[in-house]
Protein backbone atom coordinates (compact mmCIF):
# COMPACT_ATOMS: atom_id res chain seq x y z
CA MET A 1 0.00 0.00 0.00
CA SER A 2 1.07 3.59 -0.62
CA ASP A 3 2.07 5.58 2.46
CA LEU A 4 0.70 9.09 1.81
CA SER A 5 1.87 12.03 3.93
CA PRO A 6 -1.08 14.17 5.19
CA GLU A 7 1.13 17.25 5.39
CA SER A 8 1.95 17.27 1.68
CA PRO A 9 -0.97 15.79 -0.27
CA SER A 10 0.32 17.15 -3.55
CA ALA A 11 3.70 15.44 -3.23
CA ALA A 12 4.35 12.25 -5.18
CA PRO A 13 3.82 9.30 -2.81
CA ALA A 14 6.75 7.04 -2.00
CA ALA A 15 4.82 3.97 -3.07
CA ARG A 16 5.79 0.63 -1.71
CA LYS A 17 6.58 -1.69 -4.57
CA ARG A 18 3.97 -4.43 -4.67
CA PRO A 19 5.49 -7.88 -5.24
CA LYS A 20 4.74 -9.48 -8.58
CA PRO A 21 2.48 -12.55 -8.64
CA GLY A 22 4.38 -15.43 -7.08
CA GLU A 23 7.20 -13.20 -5.86
CA ARG A 24 5.93 -13.04 -2.29
CA ARG A 25 5.78 -16.84 -2.15
CA VAL A 26 9.44 -16.97 -3.16
CA GLN A 27 10.32 -14.35 -0.54
CA ILE A 28 8.58 -16.38 2.16
CA LEU A 29 10.45 -19.54 1.20
CA GLN A 30 13.77 -17.69 1.03
CA ALA A 31 13.18 -16.25 4.50
CA LEU A 32 12.29 -19.67 5.89
CA ALA A 33 15.43 -21.20 4.38
CA ALA A 34 17.56 -18.35 5.78
CA MET A 35 16.13 -18.88 9.27
CA LEU A 36 16.91 -22.59 9.02
CA GLU A 37 20.54 -21.72 8.27
CA GLN A 38 21.05 -20.35 11.77
CA PRO A 39 23.02 -22.96 13.75
CA GLY A 40 20.98 -24.25 16.67
CA ALA A 41 17.79 -22.69 15.33
CA GLU A 42 14.74 -23.83 17.26
CA ARG A 43 11.43 -24.81 15.71
CA ILE A 44 10.39 -21.94 13.46
CA THR A 45 6.94 -20.50 14.05
CA THR A 46 4.84 -18.57 11.54
CA ALA A 47 4.96 -15.62 13.97
CA ALA A 48 8.76 -15.55 13.82
CA LEU A 49 8.71 -15.93 10.04
CA ALA A 50 6.24 -13.05 9.74
CA ARG A 51 8.50 -10.85 11.88
CA GLN A 52 11.45 -11.75 9.68
CA LEU A 53 9.53 -10.54 6.63
CA ASP A 54 7.92 -7.59 8.44
CA VAL A 55 4.43 -8.76 7.51
CA SER A 56 1.46 -10.15 9.41
CA GLU A 57 0.83 -13.86 9.85
CA ALA A 58 -2.35 -13.34 7.86
CA ALA A 59 -0.19 -12.19 4.94
CA LEU A 60 1.68 -15.50 5.05
CA TYR A 61 -1.54 -17.45 4.93
CA ARG A 62 -2.66 -15.60 1.84
CA HIS A 63 0.12 -17.44 0.00
CA PHE A 64 0.34 -20.72 1.92
CA ALA A 65 -2.54 -22.50 3.62
CA SER A 66 -0.25 -23.80 6.37
CA LYS A 67 3.35 -23.95 7.51
CA ALA A 68 3.44 -27.50 6.16
CA GLN A 69 2.82 -26.08 2.69
CA MET A 70 5.79 -23.76 3.16
CA PHE A 71 8.02 -26.73 3.95
CA GLU A 72 6.58 -28.54 0.94
CA GLY A 73 7.68 -25.57 -1.16
CA LEU A 74 11.25 -26.06 0.11
CA ILE A 75 11.07 -29.79 -0.56
CA GLU A 76 9.88 -29.15 -4.12
CA PHE A 77 12.89 -26.88 -4.64
CA ILE A 78 15.22 -29.60 -3.32
CA GLU A 79 13.66 -32.24 -5.54
CA GLN A 80 13.73 -30.15 -8.70
CA SER A 81 17.27 -28.88 -8.11
CA VAL A 82 18.78 -32.30 -7.45
CA PHE A 83 16.84 -34.59 -9.77
CA THR A 84 16.96 -32.32 -12.80
CA LEU A 85 20.76 -32.51 -12.72
CA ALA A 86 20.92 -36.13 -11.59
CA GLN A 87 18.85 -37.18 -14.59
CA GLN A 88 21.27 -35.36 -16.87
CA ILE A 89 24.14 -37.31 -15.30
CA VAL A 90 22.56 -40.76 -15.48
CA GLY A 91 20.61 -40.24 -18.68
CA ARG A 92 17.10 -41.18 -19.72
CA GLU A 93 17.82 -44.07 -22.08
CA PRO A 94 17.32 -47.62 -20.73
CA LEU A 95 20.45 -49.64 -20.08
CA ASP A 96 21.58 -52.00 -22.82
CA PRO A 97 20.99 -55.38 -21.15
CA GLN A 98 23.98 -56.81 -22.96
CA GLN A 99 26.56 -54.03 -22.85
CA GLY A 100 25.81 -52.25 -19.61
CA ASN A 101 27.47 -48.92 -18.94
CA PRO A 102 31.22 -48.74 -18.21
CA GLU A 103 30.74 -45.16 -16.97
CA GLY A 104 28.14 -46.20 -14.38
CA ALA A 105 30.41 -45.98 -11.33
CA GLN A 106 31.58 -42.51 -12.32
CA GLN A 107 27.96 -41.46 -12.85
CA ALA A 108 27.04 -42.70 -9.38
CA ALA A 109 29.95 -40.76 -7.88
CA ARG A 110 28.82 -37.61 -9.67
CA VAL A 111 25.27 -37.99 -8.36
CA VAL A 112 26.54 -38.28 -4.78
CA ALA A 113 28.82 -35.28 -5.32
CA LEU A 114 25.90 -33.31 -6.74
CA LEU A 115 23.76 -34.08 -3.69
CA LEU A 116 26.46 -33.12 -1.20
CA GLN A 117 27.45 -29.96 -3.09
CA PHE A 118 23.81 -28.88 -3.15
CA GLY A 119 23.64 -29.36 0.61
CA GLU A 120 26.87 -27.45 1.19
CA LYS A 121 25.53 -24.47 -0.78
CA ASN A 122 22.10 -24.60 0.90
CA PRO A 123 22.61 -25.30 4.61
CA GLY A 124 19.04 -24.42 5.53
CA MET A 125 17.76 -27.02 3.08
CA VAL A 126 19.98 -29.65 4.70
CA ARG A 127 18.02 -29.34 7.95
CA VAL A 128 14.92 -30.22 5.92
CA MET A 129 16.65 -33.05 4.05
CA VAL A 130 17.84 -34.82 7.21
CA GLY A 131 14.56 -34.20 9.03
CA ASP A 132 15.83 -31.94 11.83
CA ALA A 133 13.55 -29.09 10.74
CA LEU A 134 10.57 -31.43 10.33
CA VAL A 135 10.40 -32.61 13.94
CA LEU A 136 6.89 -31.87 15.28
CA GLU A 137 5.75 -30.87 11.78
CA HIS A 138 3.25 -32.84 9.69
CA GLU A 139 4.36 -36.44 9.20
CA ARG A 140 3.78 -36.27 5.44
CA LEU A 141 6.80 -33.95 5.17
CA GLN A 142 9.18 -36.55 6.59
CA ALA A 143 7.56 -39.20 4.40
CA ARG A 144 8.25 -37.05 1.36
CA MET A 145 11.90 -36.60 2.30
CA ASN A 146 12.16 -40.36 2.80
CA GLN A 147 10.87 -40.76 -0.75
CA PHE A 148 13.50 -38.28 -1.92
CA PHE A 149 16.32 -40.50 -0.64
CA GLU A 150 14.60 -43.58 -2.04
CA ARG A 151 14.71 -41.88 -5.45
CA ILE A 152 18.39 -41.05 -4.92
CA GLU A 153 19.07 -44.71 -4.15
CA SER A 154 17.10 -45.81 -7.23
CA THR A 155 19.11 -43.40 -9.40
CA LEU A 156 22.37 -44.76 -8.01
CA ARG A 157 21.15 -48.32 -8.49
CA GLN A 158 20.47 -47.61 -12.16
CA ALA A 159 23.99 -46.30 -12.68
CA LEU A 160 25.70 -49.07 -10.71
CA ARG A 161 23.76 -51.83 -12.44
CA GLY A 162 25.14 -50.57 -15.73
CA ALA A 163 28.64 -50.65 -14.28
CA ALA A 164 28.14 -54.19 -12.96
CA LEU A 165 26.90 -55.38 -16.35
CA ALA A 166 29.84 -53.77 -18.11
CA ARG A 167 32.35 -55.60 -15.92
CA GLY A 168 30.58 -58.90 -16.46
CA SER A 169 29.11 -59.41 -12.98
CA GLY A 170 26.95 -62.49 -12.60
CA THR A 171 24.69 -60.68 -10.13
CA PRO A 172 24.44 -57.10 -11.44
CA SER A 173 21.16 -56.28 -9.70
CA VAL A 174 22.42 -57.44 -6.30
CA ASP A 175 25.73 -55.62 -6.74
CA ALA A 176 23.90 -52.44 -7.70
CA GLN A 177 21.48 -52.67 -4.78
CA VAL A 178 24.25 -53.08 -2.24
CA GLY A 179 26.37 -50.31 -3.73
CA ALA A 180 23.45 -47.88 -3.98
CA SER A 181 22.47 -48.55 -0.37
CA VAL A 182 26.00 -47.87 0.86
CA LEU A 183 26.35 -44.65 -1.16
CA THR A 184 22.96 -43.35 -0.02
CA ALA A 185 23.77 -44.03 3.62
CA PHE A 186 27.13 -42.29 3.16
CA ALA A 187 25.51 -39.19 1.62
CA LEU A 188 22.81 -38.99 4.28
CA GLY A 189 25.41 -39.40 7.02
CA ARG A 190 27.52 -36.57 5.59
CA LEU A 191 24.47 -34.28 5.45
CA GLN A 192 23.50 -35.14 9.03
CA ARG A 193 27.01 -34.44 10.26
CA PHE A 194 26.98 -31.09 8.42
CA ALA A 195 23.71 -30.04 10.07
CA ARG A 196 24.59 -31.25 13.55
CA SER A 197 28.04 -29.68 13.53
CA GLY A 198 26.45 -26.25 13.05
CA PHE A 199 27.46 -26.40 9.36
CA ARG A 200 31.16 -26.57 10.23
CA GLN A 201 32.04 -30.06 8.94
CA LEU A 202 31.52 -29.78 5.21
CA PRO A 203 29.80 -32.70 3.49
CA THR A 204 32.27 -32.63 0.59
CA GLU A 205 35.32 -33.04 2.86
CA HIS A 206 37.70 -35.63 1.33
CA LEU A 207 34.84 -36.56 -0.98
CA GLN A 208 36.80 -37.97 -3.92
CA ALA A 209 38.98 -40.11 -1.67
CA SER A 210 35.90 -41.41 0.17
CA LEU A 211 34.09 -42.27 -3.04
CA GLY A 212 37.25 -43.93 -4.33
CA LEU A 213 37.24 -46.31 -1.36
CA MET A 214 33.59 -47.24 -1.95
CA LEU A 215 33.71 -47.49 -5.74
């Protein structure tokens, strides 16, 4: 709204720039992510978020029906950011059942690196990814993050199965399942350590050497 001065009605008002459609939603999510980046941050309330943005709680609810929807907006950003790039790494074409994919292990390593680099650049999102920020929130949020890591494991399994086929393994599916499980647990552990160290222990620390031991 414009803030008109009663003393000078003829003066040009210093109008407050109204956010474009969708822009306020982005601002709310950015503020929520920024608050999550504070080490040791307690459970974030809509009242605190509204104060951060200098708006009323009612203004928040004009854009999101609930705080759970705000967290879902962050989860959607995580999913889109990670899986768009992961799909480019692994590819969309089905594996050749005869030839496999000799680059599969390298692809799996790149997917893990992508995930950890994303977390390192977005510390607030890491607290959502590992579930710390979702404690006492709606259970569907944690279920959705669980599905996120299941998709990560499936993506890694696809890459590692190709690698197992290429090296002539007699049990490529089993090899891929075991390898994908280990890599997913490693990535999740690195993200948890990052969050619980107050974002001091970087998830990409000695990453290439660690992946080399596993792959």
